[in-house]
């Protein structure tokens, strides 16, 4: 079936979607609970923030540790300014959404003045719920 063909939506399809979505949520909850158990196990076995690995019943369970580093903005900018290394500091100009909305509501600017400046995104979402609670 191609995307452009008209498809008949049946009650069975809605029921199936609803039931699968419910199962998905239950599965995700159970998986998260198991992940917590695995994390606790490795925390007691090798300590937190350390990788670990065990093999049971032909399955290998691994805990990997990912490390990310990010500069603390205010502190780093302050130190770079002290060192007179201003070339290492970005100056980012960006619109202040809150102030723009306030200026619009106060009538300081009108929407026509910002024509072509607003990007709108739309994303479709599907929701299937029983009409009468189950």
N, C-alpha and C. Protein backbone atom coordinates (compact mmCIF):
# COMPACT_ATOMS: atom_id res chain seq x y z
N UNK A 1 0.86 -1.18 0.00
CA UNK A 1 0.00 0.00 0.00
C UNK A 1 0.90 1.23 0.00
N UNK A 2 0.61 2.19 -0.86
CA UNK A 2 1.40 3.42 -0.91
C UNK A 2 0.79 4.45 0.04
N UNK A 3 1.54 5.49 0.31
CA UNK A 3 1.09 6.52 1.24
C UNK A 3 -0.15 7.24 0.73
N UNK A 4 -0.30 7.32 -0.59
CA UNK A 4 -1.37 8.13 -1.15
C UNK A 4 -2.68 7.38 -1.33
N UNK A 5 -2.68 6.06 -1.09
CA UNK A 5 -3.92 5.31 -1.22
C UNK A 5 -4.82 5.60 -0.02
N UNK A 6 -6.11 5.62 -0.28
CA UNK A 6 -7.09 5.81 0.80
C UNK A 6 -7.16 4.52 1.61
N UNK A 7 -7.02 4.61 2.91
CA UNK A 7 -7.06 3.43 3.76
C UNK A 7 -8.30 3.50 4.64
N UNK A 8 -8.94 2.38 4.77
CA UNK A 8 -10.11 2.29 5.65
C UNK A 8 -9.61 2.03 7.06
N UNK A 9 -9.98 2.90 7.97
CA UNK A 9 -9.62 2.72 9.38
C UNK A 9 -10.76 1.99 10.06
N UNK A 10 -10.41 0.89 10.70
CA UNK A 10 -11.43 0.06 11.33
C UNK A 10 -11.33 0.16 12.85
N UNK A 11 -12.39 -0.25 13.49
CA UNK A 11 -12.39 -0.29 14.94
C UNK A 11 -11.33 -1.24 15.46
N UNK A 12 -11.12 -2.37 14.74
CA UNK A 12 -10.09 -3.32 15.16
C UNK A 12 -8.71 -2.68 15.15
N UNK A 13 -8.45 -1.82 14.15
CA UNK A 13 -7.16 -1.15 14.07
C UNK A 13 -6.97 -0.23 15.27
N UNK A 14 -8.04 0.50 15.65
CA UNK A 14 -7.94 1.40 16.80
C UNK A 14 -7.72 0.63 18.09
N UNK A 15 -8.44 -0.46 18.25
CA UNK A 15 -8.28 -1.29 19.45
C UNK A 15 -6.86 -1.83 19.50
N UNK A 16 -6.35 -2.32 18.36
CA UNK A 16 -5.00 -2.89 18.31
C UNK A 16 -3.96 -1.82 18.66
N UNK A 17 -4.11 -0.63 18.10
CA UNK A 17 -3.17 0.47 18.38
C UNK A 17 -3.20 0.81 19.86
N UNK A 18 -4.40 0.93 20.42
CA UNK A 18 -4.55 1.27 21.83
C UNK A 18 -3.88 0.22 22.71
N UNK A 19 -4.15 -1.05 22.42
CA UNK A 19 -3.59 -2.14 23.23
C UNK A 19 -2.06 -2.19 23.09
N UNK A 20 -1.53 -2.03 21.88
CA UNK A 20 -0.08 -2.03 21.68
C UNK A 20 0.58 -0.87 22.41
N UNK A 21 -0.05 0.31 22.37
CA UNK A 21 0.49 1.47 23.06
C UNK A 21 0.53 1.24 24.57
N UNK A 22 -0.52 0.59 25.09
CA UNK A 22 -0.58 0.27 26.51
C UNK A 22 0.55 -0.72 26.86
N UNK A 23 0.73 -1.74 26.01
CA UNK A 23 1.80 -2.72 26.24
C UNK A 23 3.16 -2.05 26.19
N UNK A 24 3.34 -1.13 25.25
CA UNK A 24 4.62 -0.41 25.11
C UNK A 24 4.97 0.31 26.40
N UNK A 25 3.97 0.98 27.00
CA UNK A 25 4.22 1.71 28.24
C UNK A 25 4.57 0.75 29.38
N UNK A 26 3.88 -0.39 29.44
CA UNK A 26 4.16 -1.39 30.47
C UNK A 26 5.55 -1.98 30.27
N UNK A 27 5.94 -2.24 29.03
CA UNK A 27 7.26 -2.78 28.73
C UNK A 27 8.35 -1.78 29.12
N UNK A 28 8.15 -0.51 28.76
CA UNK A 28 9.14 0.52 29.10
C UNK A 28 9.30 0.64 30.61
N UNK A 29 8.20 0.57 31.34
CA UNK A 29 8.27 0.65 32.79
C UNK A 29 9.06 -0.53 33.36
N UNK A 30 8.77 -1.73 32.87
CA UNK A 30 9.47 -2.92 33.35
C UNK A 30 10.96 -2.87 32.98
N UNK A 31 11.27 -2.41 31.77
CA UNK A 31 12.67 -2.30 31.36
C UNK A 31 13.42 -1.30 32.25
N UNK A 32 12.78 -0.19 32.57
CA UNK A 32 13.42 0.80 33.45
C UNK A 32 13.67 0.23 34.84
N UNK A 33 12.73 -0.58 35.34
CA UNK A 33 12.92 -1.22 36.64
C UNK A 33 14.11 -2.18 36.60
N UNK A 34 14.20 -2.97 35.50
CA UNK A 34 15.34 -3.89 35.36
C UNK A 34 16.66 -3.13 35.24
N UNK A 35 16.66 -2.04 34.50
CA UNK A 35 17.88 -1.23 34.39
C UNK A 35 18.34 -0.74 35.76
N UNK A 36 17.38 -0.34 36.59
CA UNK A 36 17.73 0.11 37.94
C UNK A 36 18.37 -1.02 38.75
N UNK A 37 17.81 -2.23 38.61
CA UNK A 37 18.38 -3.40 39.30
C UNK A 37 19.81 -3.65 38.82
N UNK A 38 20.01 -3.58 37.48
CA UNK A 38 21.34 -3.80 36.91
C UNK A 38 22.32 -2.74 37.41
N UNK A 39 21.88 -1.47 37.45
CA UNK A 39 22.75 -0.39 37.93
C UNK A 39 23.14 -0.62 39.39
N UNK A 40 22.14 -0.98 40.20
CA UNK A 40 22.42 -1.24 41.62
C UNK A 40 23.42 -2.39 41.78
N UNK A 41 23.25 -3.43 40.95
CA UNK A 41 24.16 -4.58 41.00
C UNK A 41 25.60 -4.14 40.71
N UNK A 42 25.78 -3.41 39.61
CA UNK A 42 27.13 -2.96 39.25
C UNK A 42 27.68 -1.96 40.26
N UNK A 43 26.80 -1.12 40.84
CA UNK A 43 27.27 -0.18 41.87
C UNK A 43 27.87 -0.95 43.04
N UNK A 44 27.22 -2.04 43.45
CA UNK A 44 27.74 -2.81 44.58
C UNK A 44 28.92 -3.68 44.18
N UNK A 45 28.97 -4.12 42.91
CA UNK A 45 30.04 -5.01 42.46
C UNK A 45 31.34 -4.26 42.18
N UNK A 46 31.25 -3.18 41.40
CA UNK A 46 32.47 -2.46 40.98
C UNK A 46 32.49 -1.00 41.41
N UNK A 47 31.40 -0.52 41.98
CA UNK A 47 31.32 0.88 42.38
C UNK A 47 30.61 1.70 41.33
N UNK A 48 30.15 2.87 41.75
CA UNK A 48 29.44 3.72 40.79
C UNK A 48 30.45 4.35 39.84
N UNK A 49 29.99 4.73 38.68
CA UNK A 49 30.82 5.37 37.65
C UNK A 49 31.97 4.48 37.17
N UNK A 50 31.78 3.16 37.26
CA UNK A 50 32.79 2.23 36.73
C UNK A 50 32.09 1.24 35.83
N UNK A 51 32.76 0.88 34.75
CA UNK A 51 32.14 -0.08 33.85
C UNK A 51 32.24 -1.48 34.44
N UNK A 52 31.34 -2.33 33.98
CA UNK A 52 31.33 -3.70 34.47
C UNK A 52 30.71 -4.62 33.45
N UNK A 53 30.91 -5.92 33.67
CA UNK A 53 30.40 -6.90 32.72
C UNK A 53 30.22 -8.23 33.41
N UNK A 54 29.10 -8.91 33.13
CA UNK A 54 28.88 -10.27 33.61
C UNK A 54 28.20 -11.06 32.50
N UNK A 55 28.35 -12.38 32.52
CA UNK A 55 27.68 -13.25 31.56
C UNK A 55 26.88 -14.27 32.34
N UNK A 56 25.58 -14.35 32.02
CA UNK A 56 24.68 -15.28 32.68
C UNK A 56 23.77 -15.90 31.62
N UNK A 57 23.63 -17.21 31.64
CA UNK A 57 22.72 -17.93 30.75
C UNK A 57 22.92 -17.55 29.28
N UNK A 58 24.16 -17.37 28.89
CA UNK A 58 24.45 -17.06 27.49
C UNK A 58 24.21 -15.62 27.09
N UNK A 59 23.94 -14.73 28.07
CA UNK A 59 23.75 -13.30 27.79
C UNK A 59 24.81 -12.51 28.53
N UNK A 60 25.35 -11.52 27.84
CA UNK A 60 26.35 -10.64 28.45
C UNK A 60 25.66 -9.34 28.84
N UNK A 61 25.81 -8.97 30.10
CA UNK A 61 25.30 -7.70 30.60
C UNK A 61 26.49 -6.79 30.84
N UNK A 62 26.47 -5.64 30.19
CA UNK A 62 27.56 -4.69 30.34
C UNK A 62 27.03 -3.37 30.85
N UNK A 63 27.82 -2.72 31.66
CA UNK A 63 27.53 -1.33 32.00
C UNK A 63 28.69 -0.51 31.45
N UNK A 64 28.32 0.41 30.59
CA UNK A 64 29.29 1.31 30.01
C UNK A 64 29.17 2.66 30.71
N UNK A 65 30.25 3.37 30.79
CA UNK A 65 30.23 4.70 31.42
C UNK A 65 30.59 5.72 30.35
N UNK A 66 29.70 6.63 30.12
CA UNK A 66 29.94 7.72 29.16
C UNK A 66 30.28 8.97 29.95
N UNK A 67 31.31 9.65 29.50
CA UNK A 67 31.75 10.86 30.21
C UNK A 67 31.65 12.03 29.25
N UNK A 68 31.00 13.08 29.69
CA UNK A 68 30.95 14.31 28.90
C UNK A 68 31.46 15.45 29.77
N UNK A 69 32.14 16.35 29.13
CA UNK A 69 32.64 17.52 29.84
C UNK A 69 32.09 18.76 29.17
N UNK A 70 31.71 19.72 30.00
CA UNK A 70 31.15 20.96 29.48
C UNK A 70 31.66 22.08 30.37
N UNK A 71 32.09 23.15 29.76
CA UNK A 71 32.57 24.29 30.54
C UNK A 71 31.40 24.97 31.24
N UNK A 72 31.60 25.33 32.50
CA UNK A 72 30.61 26.09 33.25
C UNK A 72 30.68 27.51 32.72
N UNK A 73 29.62 27.95 32.07
CA UNK A 73 29.67 29.19 31.30
C UNK A 73 30.13 30.40 32.09
N UNK A 74 29.44 30.74 33.16
CA UNK A 74 29.77 31.97 33.91
C UNK A 74 31.20 31.95 34.43
N UNK A 75 31.58 30.84 35.05
CA UNK A 75 32.92 30.73 35.64
C UNK A 75 34.01 30.79 34.57
N UNK A 76 33.78 30.09 33.47
CA UNK A 76 34.78 30.06 32.40
C UNK A 76 34.94 31.44 31.76
N UNK A 77 33.83 32.11 31.49
CA UNK A 77 33.89 33.46 30.90
C UNK A 77 34.63 34.40 31.85
N UNK A 78 34.33 34.33 33.13
CA UNK A 78 34.99 35.20 34.11
C UNK A 78 36.51 34.98 34.10
N UNK A 79 36.93 33.70 34.10
CA UNK A 79 38.36 33.41 34.11
C UNK A 79 39.03 33.83 32.81
N UNK A 80 38.37 33.60 31.68
CA UNK A 80 38.94 34.01 30.40
C UNK A 80 39.08 35.53 30.32
N UNK A 81 38.11 36.25 30.87
CA UNK A 81 38.20 37.72 30.90
C UNK A 81 39.36 38.16 31.79
N UNK A 82 39.54 37.50 32.93
CA UNK A 82 40.66 37.81 33.82
C UNK A 82 42.00 37.60 33.10
N UNK A 83 42.05 36.55 32.29
CA UNK A 83 43.28 36.24 31.55
C UNK A 83 43.40 37.06 30.26
N UNK A 84 42.43 37.94 30.05
CA UNK A 84 42.37 38.78 28.85
C UNK A 84 42.41 37.94 27.57
N UNK A 85 41.65 36.86 27.60
CA UNK A 85 41.53 35.98 26.44
C UNK A 85 40.11 36.08 25.87
N UNK A 86 39.71 37.31 25.59
CA UNK A 86 38.34 37.57 25.11
C UNK A 86 38.06 36.92 23.77
N UNK A 87 39.10 36.61 22.99
CA UNK A 87 38.88 35.94 21.71
C UNK A 87 38.34 34.53 21.90
N UNK A 88 38.46 33.99 23.09
CA UNK A 88 37.96 32.64 23.37
C UNK A 88 36.52 32.64 23.87
N UNK A 89 35.91 33.82 23.89
CA UNK A 89 34.54 33.97 24.37
C UNK A 89 33.63 34.29 23.20
N UNK A 90 32.56 33.54 23.07
CA UNK A 90 31.57 33.80 22.02
C UNK A 90 30.61 34.88 22.49
N UNK A 91 30.24 35.74 21.57
CA UNK A 91 29.17 36.69 21.85
C UNK A 91 28.02 36.25 20.96
N UNK A 92 26.95 35.80 21.59
CA UNK A 92 25.82 35.24 20.85
C UNK A 92 24.65 36.22 20.92
N UNK A 93 24.23 36.68 19.75
CA UNK A 93 23.05 37.54 19.69
C UNK A 93 21.88 36.67 19.30
N UNK A 94 20.84 36.71 20.12
CA UNK A 94 19.63 35.96 19.78
C UNK A 94 18.42 36.67 20.36
N UNK A 95 17.28 36.48 19.71
CA UNK A 95 16.07 37.17 20.18
C UNK A 95 15.65 36.67 21.56
N UNK A 96 15.12 37.59 22.35
CA UNK A 96 14.59 37.25 23.67
C UNK A 96 13.08 37.07 23.52
N UNK A 97 12.65 35.82 23.45
CA UNK A 97 11.24 35.52 23.20
C UNK A 97 10.30 36.21 24.19
N UNK A 98 10.65 36.17 25.46
CA UNK A 98 9.77 36.77 26.48
C UNK A 98 9.62 38.27 26.29
N UNK A 99 10.73 38.94 26.01
CA UNK A 99 10.68 40.40 25.85
C UNK A 99 9.92 40.77 24.57
N UNK A 100 10.09 39.97 23.53
CA UNK A 100 9.36 40.23 22.27
C UNK A 100 7.86 40.08 22.51
N UNK A 101 7.46 39.01 23.19
CA UNK A 101 6.03 38.80 23.47
C UNK A 101 5.47 39.93 24.33
N UNK A 102 6.27 40.37 25.31
CA UNK A 102 5.83 41.48 26.16
C UNK A 102 5.68 42.76 25.34
N UNK A 103 6.65 43.03 24.46
CA UNK A 103 6.58 44.23 23.62
C UNK A 103 5.38 44.18 22.69
N UNK A 104 5.07 43.00 22.18
CA UNK A 104 3.89 42.84 21.32
C UNK A 104 2.60 43.10 22.11
N UNK A 105 2.53 42.53 23.32
CA UNK A 105 1.30 42.70 24.11
C UNK A 105 1.14 44.14 24.60
N UNK A 106 2.25 44.85 24.79
CA UNK A 106 2.17 46.25 25.21
C UNK A 106 1.98 47.20 24.03
N UNK A 107 2.06 46.67 22.82
CA UNK A 107 1.88 47.48 21.64
C UNK A 107 3.11 48.29 21.25
N UNK A 108 4.28 47.97 21.81
CA UNK A 108 5.50 48.68 21.46
C UNK A 108 5.95 48.35 20.03
N UNK A 109 5.64 47.14 19.60
CA UNK A 109 5.85 46.73 18.21
C UNK A 109 4.61 45.98 17.76
N UNK A 110 4.36 45.96 16.46
CA UNK A 110 3.22 45.20 16.00
C UNK A 110 3.71 43.98 15.22
N UNK A 111 2.90 42.95 15.14
CA UNK A 111 3.32 41.70 14.50
C UNK A 111 3.82 41.87 13.07
N UNK A 112 3.28 42.85 12.34
CA UNK A 112 3.70 43.07 10.95
C UNK A 112 5.18 43.44 10.87
N UNK A 113 5.68 44.12 11.91
CA UNK A 113 7.09 44.51 11.91
C UNK A 113 8.03 43.30 11.98
N UNK A 114 7.52 42.20 12.47
CA UNK A 114 8.33 40.99 12.60
C UNK A 114 7.93 39.94 11.56
N UNK A 115 7.23 40.37 10.53
CA UNK A 115 6.81 39.44 9.49
C UNK A 115 8.03 38.79 8.86
N UNK A 116 7.96 37.47 8.70
CA UNK A 116 9.07 36.72 8.14
C UNK A 116 10.11 36.31 9.18
N UNK A 117 9.88 36.69 10.43
CA UNK A 117 10.85 36.37 11.48
C UNK A 117 10.43 35.18 12.34
N UNK A 118 9.20 34.74 12.19
CA UNK A 118 8.70 33.67 13.04
C UNK A 118 8.68 32.36 12.25
N UNK A 119 9.33 31.36 12.81
CA UNK A 119 9.31 30.02 12.21
C UNK A 119 8.34 29.16 13.01
N UNK A 120 7.39 28.59 12.33
CA UNK A 120 6.40 27.75 12.99
C UNK A 120 6.60 26.31 12.54
N UNK A 121 6.65 25.42 13.50
CA UNK A 121 6.76 24.00 13.17
C UNK A 121 5.49 23.30 13.61
N UNK A 122 5.08 22.36 12.82
CA UNK A 122 3.88 21.58 13.12
C UNK A 122 4.27 20.11 13.06
N UNK A 123 3.87 19.36 14.08
CA UNK A 123 4.15 17.93 14.05
C UNK A 123 2.87 17.18 14.42
N UNK A 124 2.46 16.28 13.54
CA UNK A 124 1.24 15.53 13.81
C UNK A 124 1.47 14.50 14.92
N UNK A 125 0.45 14.28 15.71
CA UNK A 125 0.51 13.28 16.77
C UNK A 125 -0.76 12.45 16.73
N UNK A 126 -0.65 11.19 17.06
CA UNK A 126 -1.80 10.28 17.07
C UNK A 126 -2.13 9.94 18.52
N UNK A 127 -3.40 9.99 18.84
CA UNK A 127 -3.87 9.60 20.16
C UNK A 127 -5.10 8.73 19.98
N UNK A 128 -5.07 7.57 20.62
CA UNK A 128 -6.25 6.68 20.58
C UNK A 128 -6.60 6.36 22.02
N UNK A 129 -7.84 6.69 22.39
CA UNK A 129 -8.32 6.44 23.75
C UNK A 129 -9.72 5.87 23.66
N UNK A 130 -10.09 5.02 24.59
CA UNK A 130 -11.46 4.51 24.57
C UNK A 130 -12.44 5.64 24.93
N UNK A 131 -13.59 5.63 24.28
CA UNK A 131 -14.60 6.66 24.55
C UNK A 131 -15.15 6.47 25.96
N UNK A 132 -15.34 5.23 26.36
CA UNK A 132 -15.75 4.95 27.74
C UNK A 132 -14.54 4.36 28.46
N UNK A 133 -14.20 4.88 29.64
CA UNK A 133 -13.03 4.40 30.35
C UNK A 133 -13.07 2.90 30.57
N UNK A 134 -11.90 2.27 30.46
CA UNK A 134 -11.80 0.81 30.65
C UNK A 134 -11.38 0.50 32.05
